[in-house]
C-alpha atoms as a PDB file:
ATOM      1  CA  MET A   1      -0.611 -21.575   1.687  1.00  0.00           C
ATOM      2  CA  THR A   2       0.129 -18.019   1.868  1.00  0.00           C
ATOM      3  CA  ASN A   3       3.354 -15.866   0.282  1.00  0.00           C
ATOM      4  CA  GLU A   4       4.505 -15.197   3.700  1.00  0.00           C
ATOM      5  CA  LEU A   5       4.418 -19.123   4.353  1.00  0.00           C
ATOM      6  CA  GLN A   6       6.040 -19.735   0.938  1.00  0.00           C
ATOM      7  CA  GLY A   7       8.692 -17.193   0.803  1.00  0.00           C
ATOM      8  CA  THR A   8       7.649 -16.497  -2.817  1.00  0.00           C
ATOM      9  CA  GLU A   9       9.363 -13.645  -4.938  1.00  0.00           C
ATOM     10  CA  THR A  10       5.994 -11.638  -5.145  1.00  0.00           C
ATOM     11  CA  LYS A  11       6.833  -9.665  -2.220  1.00  0.00           C
ATOM     12  CA  MET A  12       6.551  -6.083  -3.415  1.00  0.00           C
ATOM     13  CA  PRO A  13       8.100  -3.142  -1.635  1.00  0.00           C
ATOM     14  CA  ILE A  14       5.946  -1.599   1.055  1.00  0.00           C
ATOM     15  CA  LEU A  15       5.908   2.151   2.422  1.00  0.00           C
ATOM     16  CA  PHE A  16       4.039   2.667   6.062  1.00  0.00           C
ATOM     17  CA  VAL A  17       3.115   5.876   7.006  1.00  0.00           C
ATOM     18  CA  ASP A  18       2.098   6.914  10.373  1.00  0.00           C
ATOM     19  CA  ASP A  19       2.765   9.477  13.022  1.00  0.00           C
ATOM     20  CA  ASP A  20       2.982   6.726  15.592  1.00  0.00           C
ATOM     21  CA  PRO A  21       6.596   4.813  16.333  1.00  0.00           C
ATOM     22  CA  VAL A  22       4.412   2.098  18.197  1.00  0.00           C
ATOM     23  CA  ALA A  23       2.245   1.320  14.801  1.00  0.00           C
ATOM     24  CA  HIS A  24       5.527   1.280  12.845  1.00  0.00           C
ATOM     25  CA  ALA A  25       7.181  -1.763  15.484  1.00  0.00           C
ATOM     26  CA  LEU A  26       3.707  -3.596  14.954  1.00  0.00           C
ATOM     27  CA  ILE A  27       4.089  -3.364  11.234  1.00  0.00           C
ATOM     28  CA  GLU A  28       7.488  -4.304  11.136  1.00  0.00           C
ATOM     29  CA  ASP A  29       6.489  -7.290  13.485  1.00  0.00           C
ATOM     30  CA  TYR A  30       3.308  -8.508  11.267  1.00  0.00           C
ATOM     31  CA  LEU A  31       5.136  -7.703   7.835  1.00  0.00           C
ATOM     32  CA  ALA A  32       8.305  -9.757   8.936  1.00  0.00           C
ATOM     33  CA  GLY A  33      10.395 -10.846   5.847  1.00  0.00           C
ATOM     34  CA  ARG A  34       8.820  -8.196   3.657  1.00  0.00           C
ATOM     35  CA  LYS A  35      10.767  -4.898   2.392  1.00  0.00           C
ATOM     36  CA  VAL A  36       9.161  -1.839   4.571  1.00  0.00           C
ATOM     37  CA  HIS A  37       9.939   1.766   4.078  1.00  0.00           C
ATOM     38  CA  HIS A  38       8.914   3.771   7.211  1.00  0.00           C
ATOM     39  CA  ALA A  39       7.602   7.126   6.938  1.00  0.00           C
ATOM     40  CA  TYR A  40       6.374   9.289  10.051  1.00  0.00           C
ATOM     41  CA  SER A  41       4.672  12.169   8.045  1.00  0.00           C
ATOM     42  CA  ALA A  42       2.564  12.290   4.631  1.00  0.00           C
ATOM     43  CA  GLU A  43       5.504  14.668   3.115  1.00  0.00           C
ATOM     44  CA  ASP A  44       8.002  12.213   4.090  1.00  0.00           C
ATOM     45  CA  ALA A  45       6.087   9.638   2.448  1.00  0.00           C
ATOM     46  CA  LEU A  46       5.905  11.515  -0.755  1.00  0.00           C
ATOM     47  CA  THR A  47       9.707  11.921  -0.862  1.00  0.00           C
ATOM     48  CA  LEU A  48      10.027   8.161  -0.519  1.00  0.00           C
ATOM     49  CA  VAL A  49       7.139   7.697  -3.064  1.00  0.00           C
ATOM     50  CA  GLU A  50       9.309   9.794  -5.889  1.00  0.00           C
ATOM     51  CA  ASN A  51      12.911   8.281  -4.815  1.00  0.00           C
ATOM     52  CA  GLU A  52      12.259   4.544  -4.170  1.00  0.00           C
ATOM     53  CA  ASN A  53      10.446   1.586  -5.602  1.00  0.00           C
ATOM     54  CA  ILE A  54       7.516   1.631  -3.600  1.00  0.00           C
ATOM     55  CA  SER A  55       4.317  -0.954  -4.997  1.00  0.00           C
ATOM     56  CA  ILE A  56       2.097  -0.623  -1.958  1.00  0.00           C
ATOM     57  CA  VAL A  57       1.699   2.553   0.564  1.00  0.00           C
ATOM     58  CA  ILE A  58      -0.068   1.593   3.991  1.00  0.00           C
ATOM     59  CA  THR A  59      -1.465   4.773   5.623  1.00  0.00           C
ATOM     60  CA  ASP A  60      -3.104   5.588   8.451  1.00  0.00           C
ATOM     61  CA  ILE A  61      -5.976   8.020   7.886  1.00  0.00           C
ATOM     62  CA  TYR A  62      -5.086  10.858  10.923  1.00  0.00           C
ATOM     63  CA  MET A  63      -1.777  12.530  10.718  1.00  0.00           C
ATOM     64  CA  GLU A  64      -0.592  15.790  11.407  1.00  0.00           C
ATOM     65  CA  GLU A  65       0.290  18.089   8.674  1.00  0.00           C
ATOM     66  CA  MET A  66      -1.428  15.934   5.562  1.00  0.00           C
ATOM     67  CA  ASP A  67      -4.084  13.281   6.484  1.00  0.00           C
ATOM     68  CA  GLY A  68      -3.615   9.933   4.753  1.00  0.00           C
ATOM     69  CA  ILE A  69      -6.894  10.554   2.306  1.00  0.00           C
ATOM     70  CA  GLU A  70      -4.737  13.818   1.196  1.00  0.00           C
ATOM     71  CA  LEU A  71      -1.378  11.747   0.850  1.00  0.00           C
ATOM     72  CA  THR A  72      -3.720   9.152  -1.274  1.00  0.00           C
ATOM     73  CA  ARG A  73      -4.727  11.723  -3.607  1.00  0.00           C
ATOM     74  CA  LYS A  74      -1.091  13.074  -4.332  1.00  0.00           C
ATOM     75  CA  ILE A  75       0.225   9.325  -4.583  1.00  0.00           C
ATOM     76  CA  LYS A  76      -2.385   8.635  -7.058  1.00  0.00           C
ATOM     77  CA  LYS A  77      -2.168  11.796  -9.205  1.00  0.00           C
ATOM     78  CA  ASN A  78       1.599  11.399  -9.497  1.00  0.00           C
ATOM     79  CA  ARG A  79       1.952   7.721  -9.375  1.00  0.00           C
ATOM     80  CA  SER A  80      -1.273   5.940 -10.196  1.00  0.00           C
ATOM     81  CA  THR A  81      -0.113   2.419 -10.182  1.00  0.00           C
ATOM     82  CA  ILE A  82       0.907   2.491  -6.486  1.00  0.00           C
ATOM     83  CA  GLN A  83      -1.719   1.047  -4.636  1.00  0.00           C
ATOM     84  CA  VAL A  84      -2.759   2.285  -1.188  1.00  0.00           C
ATOM     85  CA  ILE A  85      -4.220   0.374   1.565  1.00  0.00           C
ATOM     86  CA  ILE A  86      -5.826   3.074   4.283  1.00  0.00           C
ATOM     87  CA  ILE A  87      -5.994   2.397   8.270  1.00  0.00           C
ATOM     88  CA  THR A  88      -7.843   4.176  10.694  1.00  0.00           C
ATOM     89  CA  GLY A  89      -8.924   3.674  14.330  1.00  0.00           C
ATOM     90  CA  ASP A  90     -11.975   5.833  13.743  1.00  0.00           C
ATOM     91  CA  SER A  91     -15.382   4.180  13.018  1.00  0.00           C
ATOM     92  CA  GLU A  92     -16.787   6.887  10.616  1.00  0.00           C
ATOM     93  CA  THR A  93     -18.142   5.403   7.328  1.00  0.00           C
ATOM     94  CA  ILE A  94     -17.374   8.688   5.612  1.00  0.00           C
ATOM     95  CA  ASN A  95     -13.604   7.742   5.935  1.00  0.00           C
ATOM     96  CA  LEU A  96     -14.362   4.500   4.060  1.00  0.00           C
ATOM     97  CA  LEU A  97     -16.026   6.367   1.098  1.00  0.00           C
ATOM     98  CA  ASN A  98     -13.622   9.581   1.190  1.00  0.00           C
ATOM     99  CA  ALA A  99     -10.591   6.974   1.049  1.00  0.00           C
ATOM    100  CA  LEU A 100     -12.324   4.796  -2.087  1.00  0.00           C
ATOM    101  CA  ASP A 101     -12.911   8.201  -3.738  1.00  0.00           C
ATOM    102  CA  ALA A 102      -9.247   9.328  -3.183  1.00  0.00           C
ATOM    103  CA  GLY A 103      -8.189   5.911  -4.767  1.00  0.00           C
ATOM    104  CA  ALA A 104      -7.262   3.841  -2.043  1.00  0.00           C
ATOM    105  CA  ASN A 105      -7.846   0.102  -2.711  1.00  0.00           C
ATOM    106  CA  ASP A 106      -8.327  -1.214   0.668  1.00  0.00           C
ATOM    107  CA  PHE A 107      -9.320  -0.042   4.005  1.00  0.00           C
ATOM    108  CA  LEU A 108      -8.717  -1.787   7.480  1.00  0.00           C
ATOM    109  CA  VAL A 109      -9.947  -0.612  10.803  1.00  0.00           C
ATOM    110  CA  LYS A 110      -7.710  -0.617  13.938  1.00  0.00           C
ATOM    111  CA  PRO A 111      -6.759  -2.581  16.024  1.00  0.00           C
ATOM    112  CA  LEU A 112      -5.149  -4.268  13.087  1.00  0.00           C
ATOM    113  CA  LYS A 113      -5.068  -8.063  12.908  1.00  0.00           C
ATOM    114  CA  LYS A 114      -2.188  -9.769  11.509  1.00  0.00           C
ATOM    115  CA  GLU A 115      -3.986 -11.742   9.067  1.00  0.00           C
ATOM    116  CA  LYS A 116      -6.572  -9.235   7.881  1.00  0.00           C
ATOM    117  CA  LEU A 117      -3.133  -6.802   6.962  1.00  0.00           C
ATOM    118  CA  ILE A 118      -1.511  -9.852   5.442  1.00  0.00           C
ATOM    119  CA  ASN A 119      -4.394 -10.680   3.534  1.00  0.00           C
ATOM    120  CA  ALA A 120      -4.815  -7.155   2.188  1.00  0.00           C
ATOM    121  CA  VAL A 121      -1.087  -6.846   1.167  1.00  0.00           C
ATOM    122  CA  GLU A 122      -1.179 -10.429  -0.406  1.00  0.00           C
ATOM    123  CA  SER A 123      -4.377  -9.389  -2.275  1.00  0.00           C
ATOM    124  CA  THR A 124      -2.463  -6.160  -3.623  1.00  0.00           C
ATOM    125  CA  GLU A 125       0.543  -7.971  -4.547  1.00  0.00           C
ATOM    126  CA  THR A 126      -2.168 -10.438  -6.658  1.00  0.00           C
ATOM    127  CA  LYS A 127      -3.131  -7.476  -8.241  1.00  0.00           C
ATOM    128  CA  ILE A 128      -0.263  -5.754  -8.937  1.00  0.00           C
ATOM    129  CA  GLN A 129       1.075  -9.003 -10.329  1.00  0.00           C
ATOM    130  CA  ARG A 130      -2.013  -9.442 -12.987  1.00  0.00           C
ATOM    131  CA  TRP A 131      -1.407  -6.007 -14.110  1.00  0.00           C
ATOM    132  CA  LYS A 132       2.285  -6.750 -14.711  1.00  0.00           C
ATOM    133  CA  ASP A 133       1.504  -9.864 -16.391  1.00  0.00           C
ATOM    134  CA  ALA A 134      -1.131  -8.444 -18.972  1.00  0.00           C
ATOM    135  CA  LEU A 135       1.550  -5.840 -19.732  1.00  0.00           C
ATOM    136  CA  LYS A 136       3.983  -8.508 -20.591  1.00  0.00           C
ATOM    137  CA  ASP A 137       1.432 -10.152 -22.584  1.00  0.00           C
ATOM    138  CA  LEU A 138       0.623  -6.830 -24.474  1.00  0.00           C
ATOM    139  CA  PHE A 139       4.330  -6.286 -25.404  1.00  0.00           C
ATOM    140  CA  SER A 140       4.544  -9.845 -26.407  1.00  0.00           C
ATOM    141  CA  LYS A 141       1.539  -9.287 -28.755  1.00  0.00           C
ATOM    142  CA  LYS A 142       2.867  -5.994 -30.243  1.00  0.00           C
ATOM    143  CA  ARG A 143       6.197  -7.519 -31.083  1.00  0.00           C
ATOM    144  CA  GLU A 144       4.745 -10.331 -32.651  1.00  0.00           C
ATOM    145  CA  ARG A 145       2.879  -8.043 -35.171  1.00  0.00           C
ATOM    146  CA  GLU A 146       5.870  -5.836 -35.757  1.00  0.00           C
END
């Protein structure tokens, strides 16, 4: 059973970045029940990343001013633990390579399928939770030694 169906507490704050309002409505529907922040530009996204508790960023590649690849680089430079999922309607394989090089942890191709998006988000949440658990273990072991 997926986290979506269980309603567990592992759901983490998500930021969706796209300059297309229709895409925002689709994401809101697909990720119903999750805390989703919205940004319509990369600049707005960077502001939200600095001011909100964001665990996962889902961003389109092609946007005005700054694309999703550059946004990913900036996020990873300043907040390396935030995980980024990049989406695109473009079929160029170089975009996948550039996204991974920039630090994205997943890549989805439009048209987005609800199941694939939820799987990507849940996989990312699992990864983040493993990190948090490992940190707790490390701190616990450190305290035991003190």
